[in-house]
Amino acid sequence: MKKTYKIEVDCANCAAKMEEATKKIEGVDNATVSFMTQKMKVEFAEGAEESAVMEQVVKACKKVESDCEVYL
């Protein structure tokens, strides 16, 4: 399952770091974070619980940029 989320990220480098951090989370098959469009696309692993995975994604993104927002 793929989902797209609106995000607020301040720079392209931070977006790339968020993308890498998100890809490492269990339950995420693939992820892309676009600074230009301010969107995050997440492809969930089969059987992954979306809300639990996204909670981890938000935590990982906040470690990269503390004032970022991911609109779930």
C-alpha atoms as a PDB file:
ATOM      1  CA  MET A   1       0.000   0.000   0.000  1.00  0.00           C
ATOM      2  CA  LYS A   2       1.259   3.454  -0.936  1.00  0.00           C
ATOM      3  CA  LYS A   3       0.238   6.676   0.777  1.00  0.00           C
ATOM      4  CA  THR A   4       1.182  10.316   0.204  1.00  0.00           C
ATOM      5  CA  TYR A   5       1.506  12.792   3.075  1.00  0.00           C
ATOM      6  CA  LYS A   6       1.946  16.562   3.080  1.00  0.00           C
ATOM      7  CA  ILE A   7       5.071  17.650   4.938  1.00  0.00           C
ATOM      8  CA  GLU A   8       6.890  20.846   5.850  1.00  0.00           C
ATOM      9  CA  VAL A   9      10.639  20.562   5.465  1.00  0.00           C
ATOM     10  CA  ASP A  10      13.090  23.469   5.274  1.00  0.00           C
ATOM     11  CA  CYS A  11      15.787  22.205   2.909  1.00  0.00           C
ATOM     12  CA  ALA A  12      16.499  19.583   0.254  1.00  0.00           C
ATOM     13  CA  ASN A  13      19.341  18.072   2.293  1.00  0.00           C
ATOM     14  CA  CYS A  14      17.031  17.507   5.270  1.00  0.00           C
ATOM     15  CA  ALA A  15      14.439  15.949   2.951  1.00  0.00           C
ATOM     16  CA  ALA A  16      17.073  13.490   1.678  1.00  0.00           C
ATOM     17  CA  LYS A  17      18.083  12.603   5.251  1.00  0.00           C
ATOM     18  CA  MET A  18      14.417  12.075   6.205  1.00  0.00           C
ATOM     19  CA  GLU A  19      13.962   9.811   3.197  1.00  0.00           C
ATOM     20  CA  GLU A  20      16.944   7.653   4.217  1.00  0.00           C
ATOM     21  CA  ALA A  21      15.764   7.480   7.846  1.00  0.00           C
ATOM     22  CA  THR A  22      12.244   6.503   6.757  1.00  0.00           C
ATOM     23  CA  LYS A  23      13.508   3.700   4.499  1.00  0.00           C
ATOM     24  CA  LYS A  24      15.239   2.084   7.515  1.00  0.00           C
ATOM     25  CA  ILE A  25      12.015   1.776   9.538  1.00  0.00           C
ATOM     26  CA  GLU A  26      10.473  -1.678   9.869  1.00  0.00           C
ATOM     27  CA  GLY A  27       7.231  -1.820   7.915  1.00  0.00           C
ATOM     28  CA  VAL A  28       8.422   0.583   5.189  1.00  0.00           C
ATOM     29  CA  ASP A  29       9.242  -0.958   1.804  1.00  0.00           C
ATOM     30  CA  ASN A  30      10.152   2.337   0.157  1.00  0.00           C
ATOM     31  CA  ALA A  31       9.873   6.078   0.724  1.00  0.00           C
ATOM     32  CA  THR A  32      10.471   9.323  -1.122  1.00  0.00           C
ATOM     33  CA  VAL A  33      10.547  12.814   0.338  1.00  0.00           C
ATOM     34  CA  SER A  34      10.312  15.745  -2.065  1.00  0.00           C
ATOM     35  CA  PHE A  35      11.449  19.165  -0.893  1.00  0.00           C
ATOM     36  CA  MET A  36      10.068  20.804  -4.043  1.00  0.00           C
ATOM     37  CA  THR A  37       6.521  19.466  -3.682  1.00  0.00           C
ATOM     38  CA  GLN A  38       6.606  19.203   0.145  1.00  0.00           C
ATOM     39  CA  LYS A  39       5.280  15.634  -0.058  1.00  0.00           C
ATOM     40  CA  MET A  40       6.321  12.296   1.400  1.00  0.00           C
ATOM     41  CA  LYS A  41       5.355   9.046  -0.323  1.00  0.00           C
ATOM     42  CA  VAL A  42       5.524   5.909   1.803  1.00  0.00           C
ATOM     43  CA  GLU A  43       5.118   2.365   0.529  1.00  0.00           C
ATOM     44  CA  PHE A  44       4.160   0.082   3.410  1.00  0.00           C
ATOM     45  CA  ALA A  45       5.259  -3.545   3.745  1.00  0.00           C
ATOM     46  CA  GLU A  46       2.603  -6.243   3.471  1.00  0.00           C
ATOM     47  CA  GLY A  47       0.683  -6.482   6.761  1.00  0.00           C
ATOM     48  CA  ALA A  48       2.276  -3.374   8.299  1.00  0.00           C
ATOM     49  CA  GLU A  49       0.030  -1.253  10.526  1.00  0.00           C
ATOM     50  CA  GLU A  50       0.019   2.202   8.941  1.00  0.00           C
ATOM     51  CA  SER A  51      -0.521   4.248  12.122  1.00  0.00           C
ATOM     52  CA  ALA A  52       2.251   2.479  14.075  1.00  0.00           C
ATOM     53  CA  VAL A  53       4.708   2.781  11.185  1.00  0.00           C
ATOM     54  CA  MET A  54       3.919   6.461  10.631  1.00  0.00           C
ATOM     55  CA  GLU A  55       4.459   7.170  14.336  1.00  0.00           C
ATOM     56  CA  GLN A  56       8.031   5.865  13.900  1.00  0.00           C
ATOM     57  CA  VAL A  57       8.434   7.833  10.653  1.00  0.00           C
ATOM     58  CA  VAL A  58       7.470  11.087  12.370  1.00  0.00           C
ATOM     59  CA  LYS A  59       9.957  10.395  15.197  1.00  0.00           C
ATOM     60  CA  ALA A  60      12.731   9.703  12.675  1.00  0.00           C
ATOM     61  CA  CYS A  61      11.943  12.893  10.742  1.00  0.00           C
ATOM     62  CA  LYS A  62      11.913  14.980  13.932  1.00  0.00           C
ATOM     63  CA  LYS A  63      15.436  13.698  14.722  1.00  0.00           C
ATOM     64  CA  VAL A  64      16.604  15.093  11.371  1.00  0.00           C
ATOM     65  CA  GLU A  65      14.741  18.403  11.608  1.00  0.00           C
ATOM     66  CA  SER A  66      13.007  19.105  14.916  1.00  0.00           C
ATOM     67  CA  ASP A  67      10.536  21.646  13.485  1.00  0.00           C
ATOM     68  CA  CYS A  68       9.364  19.555  10.517  1.00  0.00           C
ATOM     69  CA  GLU A  69       5.703  18.617  10.192  1.00  0.00           C
ATOM     70  CA  VAL A  70       4.185  15.459   8.710  1.00  0.00           C
ATOM     71  CA  TYR A  71       0.439  15.788   8.218  1.00  0.00           C
ATOM     72  CA  LEU A  72      -1.129  12.369   8.787  1.00  0.00           C
END
